[in-house]
Amino acid sequence: WAKPSKNNADVDKLSYAVGLEKWQWMIGTGFYVDDIDDTV
């Protein structure tokens, strides 16, 4: 996904989601994980 702080360059992002079955909803959140690559 494009990361604004890296001039909108495409970097790795990880998201996690769960469902609210009764309403047929997916809710989730995510964040960039390019700092892992930087550390490595």
ModelCIF file with pLDDT and N, C-alpha, C, O atoms, coordinates in Angstrom:
data_MODEL
#
_entry.id   MODEL 
#
_entity.id                         1 
_entity.type                       polymer 
_entity.pdbx_number_of_molecules   1 
#
_entity_poly.entity_id                      1 
_entity_poly.type                           'polypeptide(L)' 
_entity_poly.nstd_linkage                   no 
_entity_poly.nstd_monomer                   no 
_entity_poly.pdbx_seq_one_letter_code       WAKPSKNNADVDKLSYAVGLEKWQWMIGTGFYVDDIDDTV 
_entity_poly.pdbx_seq_one_letter_code_can   WAKPSKNNADVDKLSYAVGLEKWQWMIGTGFYVDDIDDTV 
_entity_poly.pdbx_strand_id                 A 
#
loop_
_entity_poly_seq.entity_id 
_entity_poly_seq.num 
_entity_poly_seq.mon_id 
_entity_poly_seq.hetero 
1 1  TRP n 
1 2  ALA n 
1 3  LYS n 
1 4  PRO n 
1 5  SER n 
1 6  LYS n 
1 7  ASN n 
1 8  ASN n 
1 9  ALA n 
1 10 ASP n 
1 11 VAL n 
1 12 ASP n 
1 13 LYS n 
1 14 LEU n 
1 15 SER n 
1 16 TYR n 
1 17 ALA n 
1 18 VAL n 
1 19 GLY n 
1 20 LEU n 
1 21 GLU n 
1 22 LYS n 
1 23 TRP n 
1 24 GLN n 
1 25 TRP n 
1 26 MET n 
1 27 ILE n 
1 28 GLY n 
1 29 THR n 
1 30 GLY n 
1 31 PHE n 
1 32 TYR n 
1 33 VAL n 
1 34 ASP n 
1 35 ASP n 
1 36 ILE n 
1 37 ASP n 
1 38 ASP n 
1 39 THR n 
1 40 VAL n 
#
_struct_asym.id          A 
_struct_asym.entity_id   1 
#
loop_
_ma_qa_metric.id 
_ma_qa_metric.mode 
_ma_qa_metric.name 
_ma_qa_metric.software_group_id 
_ma_qa_metric.type 
1 global pLDDT . pLDDT 
2 local  pLDDT . pLDDT 
#
_ma_qa_metric_global.metric_id      1 
_ma_qa_metric_global.metric_value   88.22 
_ma_qa_metric_global.model_id       1 
_ma_qa_metric_global.ordinal_id     1 
#
loop_
_ma_qa_metric_local.label_asym_id 
_ma_qa_metric_local.label_comp_id 
_ma_qa_metric_local.label_seq_id 
_ma_qa_metric_local.metric_id 
_ma_qa_metric_local.metric_value 
_ma_qa_metric_local.model_id 
_ma_qa_metric_local.ordinal_id 
A TRP 1  2 87.00 1 1  
A ALA 2  2 82.00 1 2  
A LYS 3  2 81.00 1 3  
A PRO 4  2 74.00 1 4  
A SER 5  2 75.00 1 5  
A LYS 6  2 80.00 1 6  
A ASN 7  2 81.00 1 7  
A ASN 8  2 79.00 1 8  
A ALA 9  2 83.00 1 9  
A ASP 10 2 86.00 1 10 
A VAL 11 2 87.00 1 11 
A ASP 12 2 90.00 1 12 
A LYS 13 2 92.00 1 13 
A LEU 14 2 95.00 1 14 
A SER 15 2 96.00 1 15 
A TYR 16 2 98.00 1 16 
A ALA 17 2 98.00 1 17 
A VAL 18 2 98.00 1 18 
A GLY 19 2 97.00 1 19 
A LEU 20 2 97.00 1 20 
A GLU 21 2 96.00 1 21 
A LYS 22 2 97.00 1 22 
A TRP 23 2 97.00 1 23 
A GLN 24 2 97.00 1 24 
A TRP 25 2 98.00 1 25 
A MET 26 2 98.00 1 26 
A ILE 27 2 97.00 1 27 
A GLY 28 2 97.00 1 28 
A THR 29 2 96.00 1 29 
A GLY 30 2 93.00 1 30 
A PHE 31 2 89.00 1 31 
A TYR 32 2 87.00 1 32 
A VAL 33 2 85.00 1 33 
A ASP 34 2 81.00 1 34 
A ASP 35 2 80.00 1 35 
A ILE 36 2 82.00 1 36 
A ASP 37 2 78.00 1 37 
A ASP 38 2 77.00 1 38 
A THR 39 2 78.00 1 39 
A VAL 40 2 70.00 1 40 
#
loop_
_atom_site.group_PDB 
_atom_site.id 
_atom_site.type_symbol 
_atom_site.label_atom_id 
_atom_site.label_alt_id 
_atom_site.label_comp_id 
_atom_site.label_asym_id 
_atom_site.label_entity_id 
_atom_site.label_seq_id 
_atom_site.pdbx_PDB_ins_code 
_atom_site.Cartn_x 
_atom_site.Cartn_y 
_atom_site.Cartn_z 
_atom_site.occupancy 
_atom_site.B_iso_or_equiv 
_atom_site.pdbx_formal_charge 
_atom_site.auth_seq_id 
_atom_site.auth_comp_id 
_atom_site.auth_asym_id 
_atom_site.auth_atom_id 
_atom_site.pdbx_PDB_model_num 
ATOM 1   N N  . TRP A 1 1  ? 0.848   -1.187  0.000  1.00 87.00 ? 1  TRP A N  1 
ATOM 2   C CA . TRP A 1 1  ? 0.000   0.000   0.000  1.00 87.00 ? 1  TRP A CA 1 
ATOM 3   C C  . TRP A 1 1  ? 0.885   1.238   0.000  1.00 87.00 ? 1  TRP A C  1 
ATOM 4   O O  . TRP A 1 1  ? 1.991   1.212   0.539  1.00 87.00 ? 1  TRP A O  1 
ATOM 5   N N  . ALA A 1 2  ? 0.408   2.317   -0.598 1.00 82.00 ? 2  ALA A N  1 
ATOM 6   C CA . ALA A 1 2  ? 1.188   3.552   -0.666 1.00 82.00 ? 2  ALA A CA 1 
ATOM 7   C C  . ALA A 1 2  ? 1.360   4.139   0.739  1.00 82.00 ? 2  ALA A C  1 
ATOM 8   O O  . ALA A 1 2  ? 0.401   4.246   1.504  1.00 82.00 ? 2  ALA A O  1 
ATOM 9   N N  . LYS A 1 3  ? 2.597   4.516   1.057  1.00 81.00 ? 3  LYS A N  1 
ATOM 10  C CA . LYS A 1 3  ? 2.878   5.097   2.374  1.00 81.00 ? 3  LYS A CA 1 
ATOM 11  C C  . LYS A 1 3  ? 3.265   6.567   2.208  1.00 81.00 ? 3  LYS A C  1 
ATOM 12  O O  . LYS A 1 3  ? 4.300   6.866   1.613  1.00 81.00 ? 3  LYS A O  1 
ATOM 13  N N  . PRO A 1 4  ? 2.446   7.489   2.724  1.00 74.00 ? 4  PRO A N  1 
ATOM 14  C CA . PRO A 1 4  ? 2.706   8.923   2.548  1.00 74.00 ? 4  PRO A CA 1 
ATOM 15  C C  . PRO A 1 4  ? 4.094   9.358   3.004  1.00 74.00 ? 4  PRO A C  1 
ATOM 16  O O  . PRO A 1 4  ? 4.737   10.172  2.342  1.00 74.00 ? 4  PRO A O  1 
ATOM 17  N N  . SER A 1 5  ? 4.564   8.818   4.136  1.00 75.00 ? 5  SER A N  1 
ATOM 18  C CA . SER A 1 5  ? 5.857   9.244   4.679  1.00 75.00 ? 5  SER A CA 1 
ATOM 19  C C  . SER A 1 5  ? 7.042   8.735   3.861  1.00 75.00 ? 5  SER A C  1 
ATOM 20  O O  . SER A 1 5  ? 8.182   9.124   4.112  1.00 75.00 ? 5  SER A O  1 
ATOM 21  N N  . LYS A 1 6  ? 6.776   7.866   2.884  1.00 80.00 ? 6  LYS A N  1 
ATOM 22  C CA . LYS A 1 6  ? 7.822   7.383   1.976  1.00 80.00 ? 6  LYS A CA 1 
ATOM 23  C C  . LYS A 1 6  ? 7.485   7.761   0.542  1.00 80.00 ? 6  LYS A C  1 
ATOM 24  O O  . LYS A 1 6  ? 7.653   6.975   -0.390 1.00 80.00 ? 6  LYS A O  1 
ATOM 25  N N  . ASN A 1 7  ? 7.002   9.001   0.396  1.00 81.00 ? 7  ASN A N  1 
ATOM 26  C CA . ASN A 1 7  ? 6.654   9.544   -0.919 1.00 81.00 ? 7  ASN A CA 1 
ATOM 27  C C  . ASN A 1 7  ? 5.641   8.680   -1.662 1.00 81.00 ? 7  ASN A C  1 
ATOM 28  O O  . ASN A 1 7  ? 5.706   8.518   -2.881 1.00 81.00 ? 7  ASN A O  1 
ATOM 29  N N  . ASN A 1 8  ? 4.705   8.132   -0.894 1.00 79.00 ? 8  ASN A N  1 
ATOM 30  C CA . ASN A 1 8  ? 3.643   7.283   -1.455 1.00 79.00 ? 8  ASN A CA 1 
ATOM 31  C C  . ASN A 1 8  ? 4.178   6.040   -2.167 1.00 79.00 ? 8  ASN A C  1 
ATOM 32  O O  . ASN A 1 8  ? 3.528   5.487   -3.055 1.00 79.00 ? 8  ASN A O  1 
ATOM 33  N N  . ALA A 1 9  ? 5.370   5.616   -1.762 1.00 83.00 ? 9  ALA A N  1 
ATOM 34  C CA . ALA A 1 9  ? 5.918   4.373   -2.327 1.00 83.00 ? 9  ALA A CA 1 
ATOM 35  C C  . ALA A 1 9  ? 5.127   3.186   -1.781 1.00 83.00 ? 9  ALA A C  1 
ATOM 36  O O  . ALA A 1 9  ? 4.643   3.220   -0.649 1.00 83.00 ? 9  ALA A O  1 
ATOM 37  N N  . ASP A 1 10 ? 5.000   2.133   -2.600 1.00 86.00 ? 10 ASP A N  1 
ATOM 38  C CA . ASP A 1 10 ? 4.313   0.925   -2.158 1.00 86.00 ? 10 ASP A CA 1 
ATOM 39  C C  . ASP A 1 10 ? 5.191   0.166   -1.173 1.00 86.00 ? 10 ASP A C  1 
ATOM 40  O O  . ASP A 1 10 ? 6.317   -0.211  -1.500 1.00 86.00 ? 10 ASP A O  1 
ATOM 41  N N  . VAL A 1 11 ? 4.679   -0.056  0.027  1.00 87.00 ? 11 VAL A N  1 
ATOM 42  C CA . VAL A 1 11 ? 5.415   -0.812  1.047  1.00 87.00 ? 11 VAL A CA 1 
ATOM 43  C C  . VAL A 1 11 ? 4.471   -1.859  1.636  1.00 87.00 ? 11 VAL A C  1 
ATOM 44  O O  . VAL A 1 11 ? 3.257   -1.800  1.442  1.00 87.00 ? 11 VAL A O  1 
ATOM 45  N N  . ASP A 1 12 ? 5.046   -2.812  2.354  1.00 90.00 ? 12 ASP A N  1 
ATOM 46  C CA . ASP A 1 12 ? 4.255   -3.892  2.939  1.00 90.00 ? 12 ASP A CA 1 
ATOM 47  C C  . ASP A 1 12 ? 3.353   -3.372  4.059  1.00 90.00 ? 12 ASP A C  1 
ATOM 48  O O  . ASP A 1 12 ? 3.758   -2.561  4.892  1.00 90.00 ? 12 ASP A O  1 
ATOM 49  N N  . LYS A 1 13 ? 2.120   -3.870  4.045  1.00 92.00 ? 13 LYS A N  1 
ATOM 50  C CA . LYS A 1 13 ? 1.172   -3.542  5.101  1.00 92.00 ? 13 LYS A CA 1 
ATOM 51  C C  . LYS A 1 13 ? 0.497   -4.831  5.554  1.00 92.00 ? 13 LYS A C  1 
ATOM 52  O O  . LYS A 1 13 ? 0.234   -5.722  4.746  1.00 92.00 ? 13 LYS A O  1 
ATOM 53  N N  . LEU A 1 14 ? 0.223   -4.919  6.834  1.00 95.00 ? 14 LEU A N  1 
ATOM 54  C CA . LEU A 1 14 ? -0.407  -6.108  7.409  1.00 95.00 ? 14 LEU A CA 1 
ATOM 55  C C  . LEU A 1 14 ? -1.697  -5.692  8.096  1.00 95.00 ? 14 LEU A C  1 
ATOM 56  O O  . LEU A 1 14 ? -1.715  -4.729  8.861  1.00 95.00 ? 14 LEU A O  1 
ATOM 57  N N  . SER A 1 15 ? -2.779  -6.420  7.823  1.00 96.00 ? 15 SER A N  1 
ATOM 58  C CA . SER A 1 15 ? -4.060  -6.115  8.458  1.00 96.00 ? 15 SER A CA 1 
ATOM 59  C C  . SER A 1 15 ? -4.651  -7.370  9.079  1.00 96.00 ? 15 SER A C  1 
ATOM 60  O O  . SER A 1 15 ? -4.375  -8.494  8.658  1.00 96.00 ? 15 SER A O  1 
ATOM 61  N N  . TYR A 1 16 ? -5.474  -7.139  10.094 1.00 98.00 ? 16 TYR A N  1 
ATOM 62  C CA . TYR A 1 16 ? -6.186  -8.228  10.761 1.00 98.00 ? 16 TYR A CA 1 
ATOM 63  C C  . TYR A 1 16 ? -7.658  -7.871  10.797 1.00 98.00 ? 16 TYR A C  1 
ATOM 64  O O  . TYR A 1 16 ? -8.013  -6.726  11.075 1.00 98.00 ? 16 TYR A O  1 
ATOM 65  N N  . ALA A 1 17 ? -8.521  -8.843  10.517 1.00 98.00 ? 17 ALA A N  1 
ATOM 66  C CA . ALA A 1 17 ? -9.954  -8.579  10.467 1.00 98.00 ? 17 ALA A CA 1 
ATOM 67  C C  . ALA A 1 17 ? -10.747 -9.703  11.113 1.00 98.00 ? 17 ALA A C  1 
ATOM 68  O O  . ALA A 1 17 ? -10.339 -10.864 11.085 1.00 98.00 ? 17 ALA A O  1 
ATOM 69  N N  . VAL A 1 18 ? -11.889 -9.344  11.696 1.00 98.00 ? 18 VAL A N  1 
ATOM 70  C CA . VAL A 1 18 ? -12.835 -10.314 12.249 1.00 98.00 ? 18 VAL A CA 1 
ATOM 71  C C  . VAL A 1 18 ? -14.221 -9.956  11.726 1.00 98.00 ? 18 VAL A C  1 
ATOM 72  O O  . VAL A 1 18 ? -14.425 -8.882  11.159 1.00 98.00 ? 18 VAL A O  1 
ATOM 73  N N  . GLY A 1 19 ? -15.166 -10.861 11.920 1.00 97.00 ? 19 GLY A N  1 
ATOM 74  C CA . GLY A 1 19 ? -16.499 -10.625 11.409 1.00 97.00 ? 19 GLY A CA 1 
ATOM 75  C C  . GLY A 1 19 ? -17.543 -10.402 12.492 1.00 97.00 ? 19 GLY A C  1 
ATOM 76  O O  . GLY A 1 19 ? -17.447 -10.955 13.587 1.00 97.00 ? 19 GLY A O  1 
ATOM 77  N N  . LEU A 1 20 ? -18.536 -9.588  12.175 1.00 97.00 ? 20 LEU A N  1 
ATOM 78  C CA . LEU A 1 20 ? -19.751 -9.458  12.970 1.00 97.00 ? 20 LEU A CA 1 
ATOM 79  C C  . LEU A 1 20 ? -20.841 -10.139 12.144 1.00 97.00 ? 20 LEU A C  1 
ATOM 80  O O  . LEU A 1 20 ? -21.499 -9.507  11.318 1.00 97.00 ? 20 LEU A O  1 
ATOM 81  N N  . GLU A 1 21 ? -21.016 -11.429 12.380 1.00 96.00 ? 21 GLU A N  1 
ATOM 82  C CA . GLU A 1 21 ? -21.852 -12.257 11.501 1.00 96.00 ? 21 GLU A CA 1 
ATOM 83  C C  . GLU A 1 21 ? -23.296 -11.768 11.409 1.00 96.00 ? 21 GLU A C  1 
ATOM 84  O O  . GLU A 1 21 ? -23.884 -11.766 10.328 1.00 96.00 ? 21 GLU A O  1 
ATOM 85  N N  . LYS A 1 22 ? -23.859 -11.359 12.522 1.00 97.00 ? 22 LYS A N  1 
ATOM 86  C CA . LYS A 1 22 ? -25.271 -10.953 12.531 1.00 97.00 ? 22 LYS A CA 1 
ATOM 87  C C  . LYS A 1 22 ? -25.523 -9.805  11.559 1.00 97.00 ? 22 LYS A C  1 
ATOM 88  O O  . LYS A 1 22 ? -26.563 -9.741  10.904 1.00 97.00 ? 22 LYS A O  1 
ATOM 89  N N  . TRP A 1 23 ? -24.542 -8.897  11.480 1.00 97.00 ? 23 TRP A N  1 
ATOM 90  C CA . TRP A 1 23 ? -24.683 -7.739  10.601 1.00 97.00 ? 23 TRP A CA 1 
ATOM 91  C C  . TRP A 1 23 ? -23.964 -7.936  9.264  1.00 97.00 ? 23 TRP A C  1 
ATOM 92  O O  . TRP A 1 23 ? -24.049 -7.090  8.374  1.00 97.00 ? 23 TRP A O  1 
ATOM 93  N N  . GLN A 1 24 ? -23.256 -9.059  9.135  1.00 97.00 ? 24 GLN A N  1 
ATOM 94  C CA . GLN A 1 24 ? -22.498 -9.314  7.906  1.00 97.00 ? 24 GLN A CA 1 
ATOM 95  C C  . GLN A 1 24 ? -21.452 -8.218  7.664  1.00 97.00 ? 24 GLN A C  1 
ATOM 96  O O  . GLN A 1 24 ? -21.311 -7.690  6.561  1.00 97.00 ? 24 GLN A O  1 
ATOM 97  N N  . TRP A 1 25 ? -20.731 -7.902  8.736  1.00 98.00 ? 25 TRP A N  1 
ATOM 98  C CA . TRP A 1 25 ? -19.689 -6.879  8.688  1.00 98.00 ? 25 TRP A CA 1 
ATOM 99  C C  . TRP A 1 25 ? -18.319 -7.491  8.900  1.00 98.00 ? 25 TRP A C  1 
ATOM 100 O O  . TRP A 1 25 ? -18.162 -8.496  9.594  1.00 98.00 ? 25 TRP A O  1 
ATOM 101 N N  . MET A 1 26 ? -17.345 -6.867  8.292  1.00 98.00 ? 26 MET A N  1 
ATOM 102 C CA . MET A 1 26 ? -15.938 -7.150  8.568  1.00 98.00 ? 26 MET A CA 1 
ATOM 103 C C  . MET A 1 26 ? -15.352 -5.901  9.213  1.00 98.00 ? 26 MET A C  1 
ATOM 104 O O  . MET A 1 26 ? -15.481 -4.803  8.672  1.00 98.00 ? 26 MET A O  1 
ATOM 105 N N  . ILE A 1 27 ? -14.709 -6.064  10.370 1.00 97.00 ? 27 ILE A N  1 
ATOM 106 C CA . ILE A 1 27 ? -14.007 -4.934  10.974 1.00 97.00 ? 27 ILE A CA 1 
ATOM 107 C C  . ILE A 1 27 ? -12.540 -5.329  11.183 1.00 97.00 ? 27 ILE A C  1 
ATOM 108 O O  . ILE A 1 27 ? -12.222 -6.475  11.498 1.00 97.00 ? 27 ILE A O  1 
ATOM 109 N N  . GLY A 1 28 ? -11.681 -4.361  10.999 1.00 97.00 ? 28 GLY A N  1 
ATOM 110 C CA . GLY A 1 28 ? -10.261 -4.682  11.128 1.00 97.00 ? 28 GLY A CA 1 
ATOM 111 C C  . GLY A 1 28 ? -9.399  -3.449  11.245 1.00 97.00 ? 28 GLY A C  1 
ATOM 112 O O  . GLY A 1 28 ? -9.891  -2.321  11.280 1.00 97.00 ? 28 GLY A O  1 
ATOM 113 N N  . THR A 1 29 ? -8.124  -3.682  11.304 1.00 96.00 ? 29 THR A N  1 
ATOM 114 C CA . THR A 1 29 ? -7.147  -2.602  11.333 1.00 96.00 ? 29 THR A CA 1 
ATOM 115 C C  . THR A 1 29 ? -5.846  -3.123  10.759 1.00 96.00 ? 29 THR A C  1 
ATOM 116 O O  . THR A 1 29 ? -5.669  -4.330  10.591 1.00 96.00 ? 29 THR A O  1 
ATOM 117 N N  . GLY A 1 30 ? -4.942  -2.215  10.459 1.00 93.00 ? 30 GLY A N  1 
ATOM 118 C CA . GLY A 1 30 ? -3.656  -2.630  9.894  1.00 93.00 ? 30 GLY A CA 1 
ATOM 119 C C  . GLY A 1 30 ? -2.624  -1.538  10.038 1.00 93.00 ? 30 GLY A C  1 
ATOM 120 O O  . GLY A 1 30 ? -2.951  -0.382  10.307 1.00 93.00 ? 30 GLY A O  1 
ATOM 121 N N  . PHE A 1 31 ? -1.382  -1.915  9.855  1.00 89.00 ? 31 PHE A N  1 
ATOM 122 C CA . PHE A 1 31 ? -0.340  -0.898  9.786  1.00 89.00 ? 31 PHE A CA 1 
ATOM 123 C C  . PHE A 1 31 ? 0.833   -1.381  8.953  1.00 89.00 ? 31 PHE A C  1 
ATOM 124 O O  . PHE A 1 31 ? 0.999   -2.572  8.689  1.00 89.00 ? 31 PHE A O  1 
ATOM 125 N N  . TYR A 1 32 ? 1.637   -0.409  8.549  1.00 87.00 ? 32 TYR A N  1 
ATOM 126 C CA . TYR A 1 32 ? 2.787   -0.706  7.694  1.00 87.00 ? 32 TYR A CA 1 
ATOM 127 C C  . TYR A 1 32 ? 3.828   -1.511  8.472  1.00 87.00 ? 32 TYR A C  1 
ATOM 128 O O  . TYR A 1 32 ? 4.046   -1.294  9.664  1.00 87.00 ? 32 TYR A O  1 
ATOM 129 N N  . VAL A 1 33 ? 4.457   -2.438  7.768  1.00 85.00 ? 33 VAL A N  1 
ATOM 130 C CA . VAL A 1 33 ? 5.462   -3.282  8.419  1.00 85.00 ? 33 VAL A CA 1 
ATOM 131 C C  . VAL A 1 33 ? 6.816   -3.172  7.717  1.00 85.00 ? 33 VAL A C  1 
ATOM 132 O O  . VAL A 1 33 ? 7.665   -4.052  7.853  1.00 85.00 ? 33 VAL A O  1 
ATOM 133 N N  . ASP A 1 34 ? 7.012   -2.080  6.962  1.00 81.00 ? 34 ASP A N  1 
ATOM 134 C CA . ASP A 1 34 ? 8.293   -1.897  6.289  1.00 81.00 ? 34 ASP A CA 1 
ATOM 135 C C  . ASP A 1 34 ? 9.428   -1.673  7.278  1.00 81.00 ? 34 ASP A C  1 
ATOM 136 O O  . ASP A 1 34 ? 10.598  -1.851  6.936  1.00 81.00 ? 34 ASP A O  1 
ATOM 137 N N  . ASP A 1 35 ? 9.082   -1.276  8.524  1.00 80.00 ? 35 ASP A N  1 
ATOM 138 C CA . ASP A 1 35 ? 10.129  -1.093  9.531  1.00 80.00 ? 35 ASP A CA 1 
ATOM 139 C C  . ASP A 1 35 ? 10.796  -2.426  9.871  1.00 80.00 ? 35 ASP A C  1 
ATOM 140 O O  . ASP A 1 35 ? 11.941  -2.455  10.320 1.00 80.00 ? 35 ASP A O  1 
ATOM 141 N N  . ILE A 1 36 ? 10.067  -3.538  9.653  1.00 82.00 ? 36 ILE A N  1 
ATOM 142 C CA . ILE A 1 36 ? 10.673  -4.855  9.861  1.00 82.00 ? 36 ILE A CA 1 
ATOM 143 C C  . ILE A 1 36 ? 11.801  -5.063  8.859  1.00 82.00 ? 36 ILE A C  1 
ATOM 144 O O  . ILE A 1 36 ? 12.896  -5.491  9.224  1.00 82.00 ? 36 ILE A O  1 
ATOM 145 N N  . ASP A 1 37 ? 11.524  -4.756  7.586  1.00 78.00 ? 37 ASP A N  1 
ATOM 146 C CA . ASP A 1 37 ? 12.552  -4.888  6.557  1.00 78.00 ? 37 ASP A CA 1 
ATOM 147 C C  . ASP A 1 37 ? 13.734  -3.963  6.841  1.00 78.00 ? 37 ASP A C  1 
ATOM 148 O O  . ASP A 1 37 ? 14.888  -4.345  6.652  1.00 78.00 ? 37 ASP A O  1 
ATOM 149 N N  . ASP A 1 38 ? 13.438  -2.743  7.299  1.00 77.00 ? 38 ASP A N  1 
ATOM 150 C CA . ASP A 1 38 ? 14.511  -1.794  7.613  1.00 77.00 ? 38 ASP A CA 1 
ATOM 151 C C  . ASP A 1 38 ? 15.409  -2.343  8.723  1.00 77.00 ? 38 ASP A C  1 
ATOM 152 O O  . ASP A 1 38 ? 16.632  -2.219  8.660  1.00 77.00 ? 38 ASP A O  1 
ATOM 153 N N  . THR A 1 39 ? 14.794  -2.947  9.733  1.00 78.00 ? 39 THR A N  1 
ATOM 154 C CA . THR A 1 39 ? 15.553  -3.514  10.852 1.00 78.00 ? 39 THR A CA 1 
ATOM 155 C C  . THR A 1 39 ? 16.395  -4.702  10.389 1.00 78.00 ? 39 THR A C  1 
ATOM 156 O O  . THR A 1 39 ? 17.543  -4.859  10.803 1.00 78.00 ? 39 THR A O  1 
ATOM 157 N N  . VAL A 1 40 ? 15.816  -5.530  9.534  1.00 70.00 ? 40 VAL A N  1 
ATOM 158 C CA . VAL A 1 40 ? 16.527  -6.707  9.027  1.00 70.00 ? 40 VAL A CA 1 
ATOM 159 C C  . VAL A 1 40 ? 17.708  -6.285  8.150  1.00 70.00 ? 40 VAL A C  1 
ATOM 160 O O  . VAL A 1 40 ? 18.428  -7.139  7.631  1.00 70.00 ? 40 VAL A O  1 
#
